[in-house]
């Protein structure tokens, strides 16, 4: 992606005041972890100047922060985010929103609506993709000509799924493969679909020679095996508490009633009205089995493969190549396809600039998906936010990917997961960022030795979880961005945590969001602004930001559940970004 209405009263009190101010808290309850600080934790001279855009999950606000964590601009929507937001060159905000419309298409990352606001917060365009057949989710991309490219689920029935050769048991609920929809906006609302691409058009299967797309899977890496990563058991119900289930539901990662096809009208574990059960279901119980199936269908199992089969969670555009980069969470792969096709060509394996139609040009992360490797060859685990590094930046043309490194069940968060690691004597599965150097050829295709996975065998660069590196853990969302000065901004989204590291891996900026926090977790993060607010000096000569240090929250980076200040990803914009031309950016103070 290309790198106002007032806030609600409580946030209005806070935004003019530093979020990095120390707030006195009552003693932590016995047995809880010590309180950890919020706001800007470090700000070194080597940090990239500019402004950081975030959209807290539990809020309709999108916030632009300076390097001290102070809000300098904001936009308001009546809808919570449907994950992605972006700031355009003209100063307009484009955001995905969680549409409340009735639809059976529910799941992690659900959106359904795209909104465009001008700099002053006026809604100037909206587009709804939320009905019985399709629903936008996770990400979008604004293309150079102004069209907007959306990721969407689409419904396939049991009969349709069986007809293309999917395993009968795995097909029991139908399937929701992903598609891309390119929309030409018609303001103030609606638009025209001008291009489409569908996973459904690029399948292969080796189960039934009487069904379409029968072939040798390893011989066709350009195709997606309809039976790849079939349903597997997961330890998730045993590890996921009712509180964690409720938090995921609030963030749009479990949804409400009527979405499962599992015969239960309620939410996770069969609780009425989409609520979780009173306590975590007993291992092996019918309730635990229903929760396991529901979560796997949403892509929360160890290897996905349920009804939310692909769970694409990011799309990025390379203008020079006219290609698209996709992150398939549930295949644990990134894919590249040709955008230089017509819709008709994109439905085939022929035509377009590369002569491959809409077939995959490149895939990386999990060669098990096309039988070119075993579990030991898998390198991505539930990754997010695959992006090309933009021209002119360090590593231009390489890919950056946030590898969530989810190996033991997505919803095991924070203290609960750490406790399990300690009990089992295991090193935590920290998340990390990888940079890949692509085997790009002169004709815009990607080199590969026959029968082997695409290069590289190992990442060009990796950061996170090492002995001298920052540790972060985000089983969902998250991202990374290469900045103008060569640094890398990393978002551990489930924690509401950002860290900027230089080329040597030194931390130069660190931030833990106080925005969008759930008051049931001990405090609303926005209250930090009410406690004081004069910009201050250094904390011990090392910690930048506000005098006396930042406010604090119980239970670790993300609070007790690890989800109370989550956001999809942060994006840093340099001070000379066109959106800021002839616009004054200054802290919004109390009463302003």
Protein backbone atom coordinates (compact mmCIF):
# COMPACT_ATOMS: atom_id res chain seq x y z
CA UNK A 1 0.00 0.00 0.00
CA UNK A 2 0.99 3.52 -0.49
CA UNK A 3 2.89 4.23 2.42
CA UNK A 4 -12.58 14.95 11.13
CA UNK A 5 -14.87 14.50 13.07
CA UNK A 6 -14.17 14.85 16.79
CA UNK A 7 -13.45 11.80 18.90
CA UNK A 8 -15.80 10.63 21.60
CA UNK A 9 -15.57 12.58 24.80
CA UNK A 10 -13.24 10.24 26.58
CA UNK A 11 -10.71 10.24 23.78
CA UNK A 12 -11.06 13.98 23.26
CA UNK A 13 -9.83 14.47 26.79
CA UNK A 14 -6.79 12.39 26.05
CA UNK A 15 -5.52 13.20 22.60
CA UNK A 16 -4.15 16.60 23.44
CA UNK A 17 -2.13 15.15 26.23
CA UNK A 18 0.77 12.80 26.04
CA UNK A 19 0.06 9.09 25.98
CA UNK A 20 3.52 8.61 27.38
CA UNK A 21 2.80 10.00 30.83
CA UNK A 22 3.20 7.85 33.88
CA UNK A 23 -0.07 7.04 35.60
CA UNK A 24 -0.19 5.74 39.14
CA UNK A 25 -2.03 2.45 39.41
CA UNK A 26 -3.21 0.50 42.43
CA UNK A 27 -1.08 -2.50 43.31
CA UNK A 28 -1.48 -5.41 40.91
CA UNK A 29 -3.63 -8.26 42.21
CA UNK A 30 -1.70 -11.10 43.77
CA UNK A 31 -0.44 -13.54 41.16
CA UNK A 32 -0.76 -11.13 38.22
CA UNK A 33 2.14 -9.92 36.13
CA UNK A 34 3.61 -6.50 36.92
CA UNK A 35 2.09 -3.58 35.08
CA UNK A 36 3.88 -2.72 31.83
CA UNK A 37 4.10 0.79 30.36
CA UNK A 38 2.06 2.23 27.53
CA UNK A 39 2.85 4.93 25.01
CA UNK A 40 6.27 5.67 23.53
CA UNK A 41 8.82 3.54 25.35
CA UNK A 42 11.89 4.53 23.33
CA UNK A 43 12.65 7.30 20.86
CA UNK A 44 16.25 7.41 19.74
CA UNK A 45 17.84 9.93 17.33
CA UNK A 46 17.94 7.27 14.59
CA UNK A 47 14.15 6.89 14.42
CA UNK A 48 12.49 7.74 11.10
CA UNK A 49 10.77 11.12 11.41
CA UNK A 50 7.12 11.20 10.53
CA UNK A 51 3.64 10.21 11.59
CA UNK A 52 2.18 6.78 12.33
CA UNK A 53 -1.32 5.71 11.31
CA UNK A 54 -3.26 3.15 13.39
CA UNK A 55 -6.89 2.02 13.66
CA UNK A 56 -7.62 0.38 17.04
CA UNK A 57 -9.93 -2.61 16.77
CA UNK A 58 -12.23 -1.54 19.59
CA UNK A 59 -12.88 1.90 18.16
CA UNK A 60 -14.30 3.72 15.16
CA UNK A 61 -11.36 6.09 15.27
CA UNK A 62 -8.34 6.14 12.98
CA UNK A 63 -5.45 8.01 14.58
CA UNK A 64 -2.37 9.76 13.24
CA UNK A 65 0.37 9.92 15.88
CA UNK A 66 3.64 11.81 16.08
CA UNK A 67 6.82 10.15 17.32
CA UNK A 68 5.87 10.99 20.90
CA UNK A 69 2.65 8.99 20.53
CA UNK A 70 0.50 12.13 20.58
CA UNK A 71 -2.53 12.32 18.28
CA UNK A 72 -2.14 15.02 15.65
CA UNK A 73 -5.14 14.09 13.51
CA UNK A 74 -8.06 11.69 13.62
CA UNK A 75 -11.00 10.44 11.60
CA UNK A 76 -14.23 8.98 12.91
CA UNK A 77 -16.42 6.23 11.46
CA UNK A 78 -19.58 4.70 12.84
CA UNK A 79 -18.06 1.27 12.12
CA UNK A 80 -15.08 -0.47 13.70
CA UNK A 81 -12.22 -1.26 11.32
CA UNK A 82 -12.43 -4.17 8.92
CA UNK A 83 -8.67 -4.35 9.39
CA UNK A 84 -6.74 -2.22 6.87
CA UNK A 85 -6.42 1.58 6.64
CA UNK A 86 -4.33 3.80 4.38
CA UNK A 87 -3.57 7.48 3.90
CA UNK A 88 -3.67 8.62 0.28
CA UNK A 89 -1.47 11.29 -1.32
CA UNK A 90 -4.35 13.78 -1.34
CA UNK A 91 -4.81 13.46 2.42
CA UNK A 92 -7.86 11.22 2.21
CA UNK A 93 -8.22 8.24 4.51
CA UNK A 94 -9.24 4.93 2.97
CA UNK A 95 -10.34 2.26 5.41
CA UNK A 96 -12.02 -1.12 5.54
CA UNK A 97 -14.97 -1.22 7.93
CA UNK A 98 -16.86 -3.99 9.66
CA UNK A 99 -20.29 -3.83 8.05
CA UNK A 100 -23.13 -4.92 10.35
CA UNK A 101 -25.27 -6.28 7.53
CA UNK A 102 -26.73 -9.78 7.75
CA UNK A 103 -24.57 -12.29 5.93
CA UNK A 104 -23.51 -15.92 6.46
CA UNK A 105 -19.96 -14.95 5.58
CA UNK A 106 -18.40 -14.42 8.99
CA UNK A 107 -14.90 -14.99 10.23
CA UNK A 108 -11.60 -13.56 11.31
CA UNK A 109 -10.81 -10.25 9.64
CA UNK A 110 -14.36 -9.63 8.46
CA UNK A 111 -15.04 -6.25 6.89
CA UNK A 112 -17.65 -5.78 4.20
CA UNK A 113 -17.37 -2.06 3.55
CA UNK A 114 -14.75 0.37 2.20
CA UNK A 115 -14.91 4.01 3.28
CA UNK A 116 -13.09 7.11 2.06
CA UNK A 117 -12.91 10.23 4.22
CA UNK A 118 -11.40 13.56 3.24
CA UNK A 119 -8.86 15.24 5.51
CA UNK A 120 -11.62 17.03 7.44
CA UNK A 121 -13.42 13.78 8.23
CA UNK A 122 -16.23 14.00 5.68
CA UNK A 123 -17.30 10.64 4.25
CA UNK A 124 -16.99 11.05 0.48
CA UNK A 125 -17.30 7.46 -0.71
CA UNK A 126 -18.44 4.09 0.54
CA UNK A 127 -18.69 0.70 -1.12
CA UNK A 128 -20.44 -2.30 0.40
CA UNK A 129 -19.32 -5.84 -0.39
CA UNK A 130 -21.35 -7.79 2.14
CA UNK A 131 -24.17 -10.08 1.07
CA UNK A 132 -25.09 -13.75 0.75
CA UNK A 133 -22.42 -14.43 -1.87
CA UNK A 134 -19.42 -12.25 -1.08
CA UNK A 135 -17.87 -10.33 1.75
CA UNK A 136 -14.76 -8.15 1.77
CA UNK A 137 -12.27 -8.94 4.50
CA UNK A 138 -8.85 -7.89 5.82
CA UNK A 139 -7.16 -5.79 3.18
CA UNK A 140 -7.54 -3.61 0.11
CA UNK A 141 -5.16 -1.88 -2.29
CA UNK A 142 -5.65 1.51 -3.93
CA UNK A 143 -4.21 1.20 -7.43
CA UNK A 144 -2.43 4.07 -9.22
CA UNK A 145 -5.47 4.94 -11.35
CA UNK A 146 -7.74 5.21 -8.30
CA UNK A 147 -9.45 1.83 -8.52
CA UNK A 148 -9.68 -0.13 -5.27
CA UNK A 149 -8.78 -3.82 -5.13
CA UNK A 150 -10.58 -5.86 -2.45
CA UNK A 151 -10.09 -9.32 -0.96
CA UNK A 152 -13.41 -11.12 -0.54
CA UNK A 153 -14.79 -14.48 0.50
CA UNK A 154 -17.26 -16.11 -1.86
CA UNK A 155 -19.71 -18.89 -1.10
CA UNK A 156 -19.42 -22.35 -2.64
CA UNK A 157 -21.98 -25.00 -1.79
CA UNK A 158 -21.34 -28.57 -0.74
CA UNK A 159 -22.32 -29.80 -4.22
CA UNK A 160 -19.96 -27.35 -5.93
CA UNK A 161 -17.08 -28.28 -3.65
CA UNK A 162 -17.53 -32.02 -4.11
CA UNK A 163 -17.80 -31.55 -7.86
CA UNK A 164 -14.27 -30.12 -8.12
CA UNK A 165 -12.78 -33.07 -6.22
CA UNK A 166 -12.50 -31.88 -2.64
CA UNK A 167 -12.39 -34.56 0.04
CA UNK A 168 -16.00 -35.40 0.92
CA UNK A 169 -15.63 -34.93 4.68
CA UNK A 170 -13.76 -31.64 4.28
CA UNK A 171 -16.52 -30.42 1.96
CA UNK A 172 -19.32 -30.92 4.48
CA UNK A 173 -19.95 -27.20 5.07
CA UNK A 174 -19.14 -26.01 1.59
CA UNK A 175 -16.20 -23.65 1.11
CA UNK A 176 -15.38 -19.96 1.15
CA UNK A 177 -12.47 -19.54 -1.23
CA UNK A 178 -11.11 -16.06 -1.78
CA UNK A 179 -11.33 -13.76 -4.75
CA UNK A 180 -10.08 -10.31 -5.72
CA UNK A 181 -12.48 -7.62 -6.91
CA UNK A 182 -11.23 -4.42 -8.54
CA UNK A 183 -13.75 -1.60 -8.14
CA UNK A 184 -13.91 1.71 -9.97
CA UNK A 185 -15.51 4.05 -7.41
CA UNK A 186 -18.75 5.87 -8.14
CA UNK A 187 -18.93 8.62 -5.56
CA UNK A 188 -20.56 9.13 -3.13
CA UNK A 189 -21.31 5.41 -2.97
CA UNK A 190 -21.03 2.25 -5.00
CA UNK A 191 -18.82 1.39 -7.91
CA UNK A 192 -18.28 -0.77 -10.97
CA UNK A 193 -16.36 -4.04 -10.86
CA UNK A 194 -13.77 -3.82 -13.66
CA UNK A 195 -11.58 -6.86 -12.96
CA UNK A 196 -11.78 -10.08 -10.96
CA UNK A 197 -9.58 -13.00 -9.99
CA UNK A 198 -10.78 -16.15 -8.23
CA UNK A 199 -8.90 -18.89 -6.41
CA UNK A 200 -11.71 -21.17 -7.64
CA UNK A 201 -10.44 -20.84 -11.24
CA UNK A 202 -6.95 -22.17 -10.41
CA UNK A 203 -7.46 -25.53 -8.73
CA UNK A 204 -5.87 -28.95 -9.05
CA UNK A 205 -6.69 -32.26 -7.37
CA UNK A 206 -5.30 -35.78 -7.48
CA UNK A 207 -8.15 -37.69 -5.78
CA UNK A 208 -10.66 -38.33 -8.53
CA UNK A 209 -9.83 -38.62 -12.26
CA UNK A 210 -13.51 -38.16 -13.10
CA UNK A 211 -13.57 -34.66 -11.60
CA UNK A 212 -12.25 -31.43 -13.14
CA UNK A 213 -8.65 -30.27 -12.65
CA UNK A 214 -7.28 -33.77 -12.09
CA UNK A 215 -3.50 -33.89 -12.28
CA UNK A 216 -0.15 -34.41 -10.59
CA UNK A 217 -0.04 -31.77 -7.88
CA UNK A 218 3.75 -31.50 -7.61
CA UNK A 219 3.93 -30.93 -11.35
CA UNK A 220 1.67 -27.87 -11.16
CA UNK A 221 2.90 -25.32 -8.62
CA UNK A 222 0.89 -22.70 -10.49
CA UNK A 223 -2.31 -24.37 -9.26
CA UNK A 224 -3.85 -24.65 -5.79
CA UNK A 225 -4.63 -28.13 -4.50
CA UNK A 226 -8.30 -28.20 -3.47
CA UNK A 227 -7.38 -30.80 -0.83
CA UNK A 228 -4.31 -29.11 0.56
CA UNK A 229 -4.17 -28.94 4.35
CA UNK A 230 -7.36 -30.84 5.04
CA UNK A 231 -8.90 -30.52 8.48
CA UNK A 232 -6.66 -31.57 11.35
CA UNK A 233 -7.23 -31.86 15.05
CA UNK A 234 -6.21 -28.95 17.22
CA UNK A 235 -5.55 -28.45 20.93
CA UNK A 236 -7.27 -25.08 20.71
CA UNK A 237 -10.40 -25.76 22.80
CA UNK A 238 -8.32 -27.05 25.69
CA UNK A 239 -6.23 -23.87 25.65
CA UNK A 240 -8.83 -21.21 24.91
CA UNK A 241 -10.78 -19.72 27.77
CA UNK A 242 -14.26 -18.22 27.60
CA UNK A 243 -12.73 -14.79 28.19
CA UNK A 244 -10.39 -15.21 25.21
CA UNK A 245 -13.24 -16.44 23.03
CA UNK A 246 -15.30 -13.39 23.98
CA UNK A 247 -12.40 -11.05 23.19
CA UNK A 248 -11.91 -12.61 19.77
CA UNK A 249 -15.64 -12.35 19.12
CA UNK A 250 -15.59 -8.63 19.94
CA UNK A 251 -12.78 -8.11 17.50
CA UNK A 252 -14.67 -9.84 14.71
CA UNK A 253 -12.67 -13.06 14.87
CA UNK A 254 -15.49 -15.33 15.96
CA UNK A 255 -18.68 -13.66 14.78
CA UNK A 256 -22.13 -14.30 16.13
CA UNK A 257 -24.94 -16.73 15.40
CA UNK A 258 -25.92 -18.57 12.34
CA UNK A 259 -22.58 -18.80 10.64
CA UNK A 260 -21.34 -22.25 11.18
CA UNK A 261 -23.41 -24.96 9.59
CA UNK A 262 -22.56 -26.98 12.67
CA UNK A 263 -26.15 -27.19 13.80
CA UNK A 264 -25.66 -24.82 16.72
CA UNK A 265 -27.40 -21.47 16.77
CA UNK A 266 -25.04 -19.87 19.21
CA UNK A 267 -21.48 -18.67 19.11
CA UNK A 268 -18.27 -20.42 20.09
CA UNK A 269 -18.94 -23.54 22.05
CA UNK A 270 -22.68 -23.18 21.55
CA UNK A 271 -23.19 -20.22 23.89
CA UNK A 272 -26.48 -18.44 23.26
CA UNK A 273 -26.48 -15.32 21.11
CA UNK A 274 -22.88 -15.74 20.00
CA UNK A 275 -21.54 -15.68 23.56
CA UNK A 276 -18.87 -18.11 24.71
CA UNK A 277 -19.68 -20.75 27.30
CA UNK A 278 -19.41 -19.86 30.98
CA UNK A 279 -16.05 -21.60 31.10
CA UNK A 280 -13.72 -23.31 28.68
CA UNK A 281 -15.22 -26.62 27.48
CA UNK A 282 -13.79 -29.80 28.92
CA UNK A 283 -11.30 -31.55 26.62
CA UNK A 284 -13.04 -34.20 24.55
CA UNK A 285 -16.53 -32.93 25.32
CA UNK A 286 -19.10 -32.26 22.56
CA UNK A 287 -18.78 -28.53 23.32
CA UNK A 288 -15.00 -28.69 22.86
CA UNK A 289 -15.42 -30.53 19.57
CA UNK A 290 -17.88 -27.93 18.29
CA UNK A 291 -15.53 -25.14 19.26
CA UNK A 292 -12.60 -26.92 17.59
CA UNK A 293 -14.53 -27.36 14.35
CA UNK A 294 -15.79 -23.79 14.37
CA UNK A 295 -12.34 -22.37 15.00
CA UNK A 296 -10.71 -24.56 12.38
CA UNK A 297 -13.35 -23.50 9.89
CA UNK A 298 -12.32 -19.91 10.58
CA UNK A 299 -8.68 -20.75 9.97
CA UNK A 300 -7.62 -20.90 13.63
CA UNK A 301 -6.43 -24.50 13.63
CA UNK A 302 -2.82 -25.56 13.43
CA UNK A 303 -2.93 -25.81 9.66
CA UNK A 304 -6.27 -24.27 8.73
CA UNK A 305 -8.00 -26.01 5.87
CA UNK A 306 -11.61 -25.49 7.02
CA UNK A 307 -14.42 -23.58 5.36
CA UNK A 308 -12.32 -20.39 5.40
CA UNK A 309 -9.88 -22.25 3.22
CA UNK A 310 -7.40 -19.59 2.04
CA UNK A 311 -7.96 -16.70 4.44
CA UNK A 312 -6.07 -14.19 2.32
CA UNK A 313 -5.06 -11.42 4.69
CA UNK A 314 -3.10 -8.98 2.53
CA UNK A 315 -2.81 -7.80 -1.05
CA UNK A 316 -0.03 -5.58 -2.41
CA UNK A 317 0.57 -4.13 -5.88
CA UNK A 318 3.87 -3.73 -7.75
CA UNK A 319 3.35 -0.99 -10.34
CA UNK A 320 6.53 -1.74 -12.30
CA UNK A 321 5.62 -5.40 -12.75
CA UNK A 322 1.83 -4.99 -12.71
CA UNK A 323 1.71 -7.97 -10.35
CA UNK A 324 -0.14 -8.70 -7.12
CA UNK A 325 1.27 -10.25 -3.95
CA UNK A 326 -1.14 -12.20 -1.74
CA UNK A 327 -0.73 -13.69 1.73
CA UNK A 328 -2.65 -16.94 2.19
CA UNK A 329 -2.80 -17.43 5.95
CA UNK A 330 -4.27 -20.92 5.84
CA UNK A 331 -1.92 -22.26 3.22
CA UNK A 332 0.96 -20.55 5.08
CA UNK A 333 2.19 -19.21 1.76
CA UNK A 334 2.61 -16.00 -0.19
CA UNK A 335 1.53 -15.97 -3.84
CA UNK A 336 2.27 -13.68 -6.79
CA UNK A 337 -0.14 -13.39 -9.72
CA UNK A 338 -0.27 -11.29 -12.89
CA UNK A 339 -2.56 -8.28 -12.79
CA UNK A 340 -1.88 -7.52 -16.48
CA UNK A 341 -4.77 -9.71 -17.59
CA UNK A 342 -8.37 -9.29 -18.54
CA UNK A 343 -10.94 -10.86 -16.25
CA UNK A 344 -11.41 -13.61 -18.83
CA UNK A 345 -7.66 -14.30 -18.96
CA UNK A 346 -7.43 -14.18 -15.15
CA UNK A 347 -9.85 -17.12 -15.04
CA UNK A 348 -7.47 -19.28 -17.08
CA UNK A 349 -3.80 -20.28 -17.22
CA UNK A 350 -3.16 -18.44 -20.46
CA UNK A 351 -2.82 -14.86 -21.61
CA UNK A 352 -1.73 -11.72 -19.85
CA UNK A 353 1.70 -10.14 -19.91
CA UNK A 354 3.40 -13.33 -18.69
CA UNK A 355 1.30 -15.78 -20.67
CA UNK A 356 0.14 -17.52 -17.49
CA UNK A 357 -3.29 -15.95 -17.11
CA UNK A 358 -4.31 -15.92 -13.44
CA UNK A 359 -2.21 -18.94 -12.42
CA UNK A 360 0.34 -18.46 -9.63
CA UNK A 361 3.66 -17.07 -10.87
CA UNK A 362 5.37 -17.60 -7.51
CA UNK A 363 4.66 -19.18 -4.14
CA UNK A 364 6.76 -19.45 -0.99
CA UNK A 365 6.44 -20.53 2.61
CA UNK A 366 4.98 -24.03 2.68
CA UNK A 367 5.85 -26.48 -0.13
CA UNK A 368 3.64 -29.10 1.54
CA UNK A 369 0.76 -27.32 -0.19
CA UNK A 370 1.89 -28.70 -3.55
CA UNK A 371 3.68 -31.83 -2.31
CA UNK A 372 7.17 -30.39 -2.90
CA UNK A 373 8.31 -30.79 0.71
CA UNK A 374 7.41 -32.05 4.15
CA UNK A 375 6.70 -30.31 7.43
CA UNK A 376 10.40 -29.57 7.91
CA UNK A 377 10.35 -27.44 4.75
CA UNK A 378 7.61 -25.13 6.02
CA UNK A 379 8.90 -21.60 6.74
CA UNK A 380 5.76 -19.53 7.25
CA UNK A 381 3.16 -20.13 9.95
CA UNK A 382 0.00 -18.02 9.76
CA UNK A 383 1.81 -15.02 8.28
CA UNK A 384 0.41 -11.55 7.53
CA UNK A 385 1.14 -8.41 5.53
CA UNK A 386 3.32 -9.56 2.64
CA UNK A 387 4.68 -6.41 0.94
CA UNK A 388 7.20 -5.49 -1.71
CA UNK A 389 9.85 -3.08 -0.48
CA UNK A 390 9.27 0.04 -2.53
CA UNK A 391 11.74 1.49 -5.07
CA UNK A 392 14.41 3.72 -3.58
CA UNK A 393 14.41 1.97 -0.21
CA UNK A 394 16.95 -0.45 1.24
CA UNK A 395 16.16 -3.87 -0.21
CA UNK A 396 13.92 -2.49 -2.97
CA UNK A 397 12.12 -5.32 -4.78
CA UNK A 398 12.47 -7.74 -1.89
CA UNK A 399 9.47 -8.95 0.10
CA UNK A 400 8.78 -8.21 3.76
CA UNK A 401 6.51 -10.64 5.60
CA UNK A 402 5.39 -10.74 9.22
CA UNK A 403 5.66 -14.41 10.18
CA UNK A 404 3.27 -14.82 13.10
CA UNK A 405 4.88 -18.21 13.72
CA UNK A 406 1.63 -19.78 14.87
CA UNK A 407 2.34 -23.45 15.54
CA UNK A 408 0.11 -24.39 18.47
CA UNK A 409 -3.28 -22.74 18.02
CA UNK A 410 -3.98 -19.13 17.18
CA UNK A 411 -6.00 -18.05 20.19
CA UNK A 412 -3.54 -19.06 22.88
CA UNK A 413 -2.40 -15.60 23.91
CA UNK A 414 -0.15 -13.79 26.31
CA UNK A 415 0.28 -15.08 29.86
CA UNK A 416 -1.63 -18.30 29.14
CA UNK A 417 0.74 -19.20 26.32
CA UNK A 418 3.86 -18.24 28.26
CA UNK A 419 2.68 -20.37 31.17
CA UNK A 420 2.20 -23.33 28.83
CA UNK A 421 5.69 -22.80 27.41
CA UNK A 422 7.20 -22.82 30.89
CA UNK A 423 5.30 -25.94 31.92
CA UNK A 424 6.47 -27.80 28.82
CA UNK A 425 10.03 -26.48 28.94
CA UNK A 426 9.73 -24.99 25.48
CA UNK A 427 11.20 -21.88 23.87
CA UNK A 428 8.34 -19.53 22.96
CA UNK A 429 7.23 -19.42 19.35
CA UNK A 430 8.08 -15.74 18.97
CA UNK A 431 6.82 -13.96 15.89
CA UNK A 432 9.41 -12.54 13.51
CA UNK A 433 9.80 -10.63 10.25
CA UNK A 434 11.49 -12.08 7.17
CA UNK A 435 12.84 -10.35 4.07
CA UNK A 436 13.01 -12.41 0.87
CA UNK A 437 15.12 -11.82 -2.22
CA UNK A 438 13.00 -13.02 -5.13
CA UNK A 439 14.28 -15.12 -8.06
CA UNK A 440 12.83 -12.59 -10.51
CA UNK A 441 13.70 -13.09 -14.17
CA UNK A 442 13.89 -10.48 -16.93
CA UNK A 443 10.47 -11.45 -18.32
CA UNK A 444 8.75 -10.91 -14.96
CA UNK A 445 8.46 -14.61 -14.09
CA UNK A 446 10.29 -16.40 -11.28
CA UNK A 447 13.03 -19.00 -11.65
CA UNK A 448 12.57 -22.44 -10.12
CA UNK A 449 14.41 -25.74 -10.39
CA UNK A 450 12.05 -28.51 -11.52
CA UNK A 451 10.48 -30.41 -8.62
CA UNK A 452 11.85 -28.02 -6.02
CA UNK A 453 10.31 -25.10 -4.12
CA UNK A 454 10.88 -21.56 -5.29
CA UNK A 455 13.91 -19.74 -3.92
CA UNK A 456 15.09 -18.50 -1.54
CA UNK A 457 15.98 -21.47 0.62
CA UNK A 458 16.43 -19.10 3.56
CA UNK A 459 15.39 -15.49 4.13
CA UNK A 460 17.71 -12.64 3.16
CA UNK A 461 17.08 -11.10 6.60
CA UNK A 462 15.15 -12.00 9.71
CA UNK A 463 14.33 -10.07 12.86
CA UNK A 464 12.52 -11.04 16.05
CA UNK A 465 12.96 -13.42 18.94
CA UNK A 466 16.74 -13.70 18.76
CA UNK A 467 19.05 -13.42 21.74
CA UNK A 468 19.77 -9.73 21.10
CA UNK A 469 16.49 -8.83 19.41
CA UNK A 470 13.13 -7.53 20.55
CA UNK A 471 10.63 -10.24 21.41
CA UNK A 472 7.05 -9.97 20.25
CA UNK A 473 4.23 -12.43 19.71
CA UNK A 474 1.12 -11.88 17.67
CA UNK A 475 -0.94 -14.90 16.66
CA UNK A 476 -3.16 -12.74 14.45
CA UNK A 477 -2.87 -9.59 12.27
CA UNK A 478 0.47 -7.61 12.29
CA UNK A 479 2.86 -6.28 9.66
CA UNK A 480 6.14 -4.61 8.76
CA UNK A 481 7.30 -1.69 6.66
CA UNK A 482 10.71 -0.63 5.30
CA UNK A 483 11.14 3.07 6.02
CA UNK A 484 12.84 5.86 4.10
CA UNK A 485 15.94 5.85 6.31
CA UNK A 486 16.40 2.09 5.90
CA UNK A 487 14.86 1.16 9.25
CA UNK A 488 12.04 -1.37 9.59
CA UNK A 489 8.82 -0.65 11.46
CA UNK A 490 7.30 -3.83 12.90
CA UNK A 491 3.73 -4.10 14.19
CA UNK A 492 2.88 -6.91 16.59
CA UNK A 493 -0.79 -6.24 16.15
CA UNK A 494 -2.45 -8.46 18.76
CA UNK A 495 -0.28 -6.78 21.40
CA UNK A 496 -0.86 -3.26 20.09
CA UNK A 497 2.92 -3.01 19.99
CA UNK A 498 5.34 -1.44 17.49
CA UNK A 499 9.10 -1.50 17.33
CA UNK A 500 11.37 0.27 14.84
CA UNK A 501 14.81 -1.25 14.27
CA UNK A 502 17.73 0.01 12.22
CA UNK A 503 19.78 -1.98 9.71
CA UNK A 504 21.92 -3.33 12.55
CA UNK A 505 18.87 -4.52 14.46
CA UNK A 506 19.05 -1.83 17.14
CA UNK A 507 15.73 -0.60 18.54
CA UNK A 508 15.29 3.12 17.87
CA UNK A 509 11.57 3.55 18.54
CA UNK A 510 9.15 1.49 20.61
CA UNK A 511 5.45 2.03 21.24
CA UNK A 512 2.69 0.20 23.06
CA UNK A 513 -0.76 1.53 22.22
CA UNK A 514 -3.07 2.82 24.95
CA UNK A 515 -5.88 3.39 22.43
CA UNK A 516 -8.98 1.28 22.02
CA UNK A 517 -8.41 -0.59 25.25
CA UNK A 518 -11.24 -2.50 26.92
CA UNK A 519 -12.04 -0.90 30.31
CA UNK A 520 -12.59 -4.39 31.75
CA UNK A 521 -8.83 -4.86 31.57
CA UNK A 522 -8.26 -2.47 34.42
CA UNK A 523 -8.11 0.89 32.70
CA UNK A 524 -9.02 2.61 29.50
CA UNK A 525 -5.78 3.50 27.79
CA UNK A 526 -7.12 6.87 26.76
CA UNK A 527 -7.21 7.85 30.44
CA UNK A 528 -3.46 8.16 30.26
CA UNK A 529 -3.96 11.50 28.56
CA UNK A 530 -6.02 12.79 31.47
CA UNK A 531 -3.20 12.31 33.96
CA UNK A 532 -0.86 14.96 32.74
CA UNK A 533 0.67 15.94 29.50
CA UNK A 534 3.59 18.24 29.38
CA UNK A 535 6.19 16.99 26.98
CA UNK A 536 9.19 15.97 28.92
CA UNK A 537 12.69 14.72 28.83
CA UNK A 538 14.37 11.36 28.80
CA UNK A 539 13.74 8.48 31.15
CA UNK A 540 17.14 7.66 32.49
CA UNK A 541 18.72 9.04 29.32
CA UNK A 542 17.33 6.11 27.32
CA UNK A 543 13.55 6.22 27.18
CA UNK A 544 12.24 9.08 25.10
CA UNK A 545 8.84 10.67 25.16
CA UNK A 546 7.09 12.02 28.16
CA UNK A 547 8.10 13.08 31.59
CA UNK A 548 7.78 10.45 34.32
CA UNK A 549 7.25 7.68 31.79
CA UNK A 550 4.15 6.26 30.17
CA UNK A 551 0.93 5.01 31.72
CA UNK A 552 0.67 1.36 32.53
CA UNK A 553 -1.63 -1.61 31.96
CA UNK A 554 -1.98 -4.91 33.70
CA UNK A 555 -1.11 -8.27 32.25
CA UNK A 556 1.62 -7.75 29.67
CA UNK A 557 1.94 -5.95 26.37
CA UNK A 558 -1.59 -6.67 25.31
CA UNK A 559 -3.17 -6.89 28.74
CA UNK A 560 -4.67 -10.02 30.25
CA UNK A 561 -5.92 -11.46 27.00
CA UNK A 562 -3.35 -9.89 24.72
CA UNK A 563 -6.08 -8.34 22.54
CA UNK A 564 -7.33 -5.21 24.24
CA UNK A 565 -5.28 -2.64 22.29
CA UNK A 566 -4.93 -4.57 19.05
CA UNK A 567 -4.77 -3.04 15.59
CA UNK A 568 -4.07 -4.54 12.19
CA UNK A 569 -0.81 -2.75 11.43
CA UNK A 570 0.86 0.64 11.78
CA UNK A 571 2.07 2.66 8.78
CA UNK A 572 4.70 5.42 9.09
CA UNK A 573 4.50 8.41 6.74
CA UNK A 574 7.47 10.75 6.30
CA UNK A 575 6.98 14.47 7.11
CA UNK A 576 7.20 15.34 3.40
CA UNK A 577 4.45 12.92 2.38
CA UNK A 578 2.09 14.64 -0.09
CA UNK A 579 -0.85 14.17 2.28
CA UNK A 580 0.69 16.70 4.67
CA UNK A 581 1.43 19.42 2.13
CA UNK A 582 0.18 22.81 3.36
CA UNK A 583 -1.40 21.13 6.38
CA UNK A 584 -0.42 21.90 9.94
CA UNK A 585 0.09 18.91 12.18
CA UNK A 586 0.22 19.63 15.88
CA UNK A 587 -0.96 17.93 19.06
CA UNK A 588 -4.71 18.11 19.54
CA UNK A 589 -5.06 19.41 23.06
CA UNK A 590 -7.80 19.12 25.67
CA UNK A 591 -10.80 21.22 24.74
CA UNK A 592 -9.61 21.79 21.17
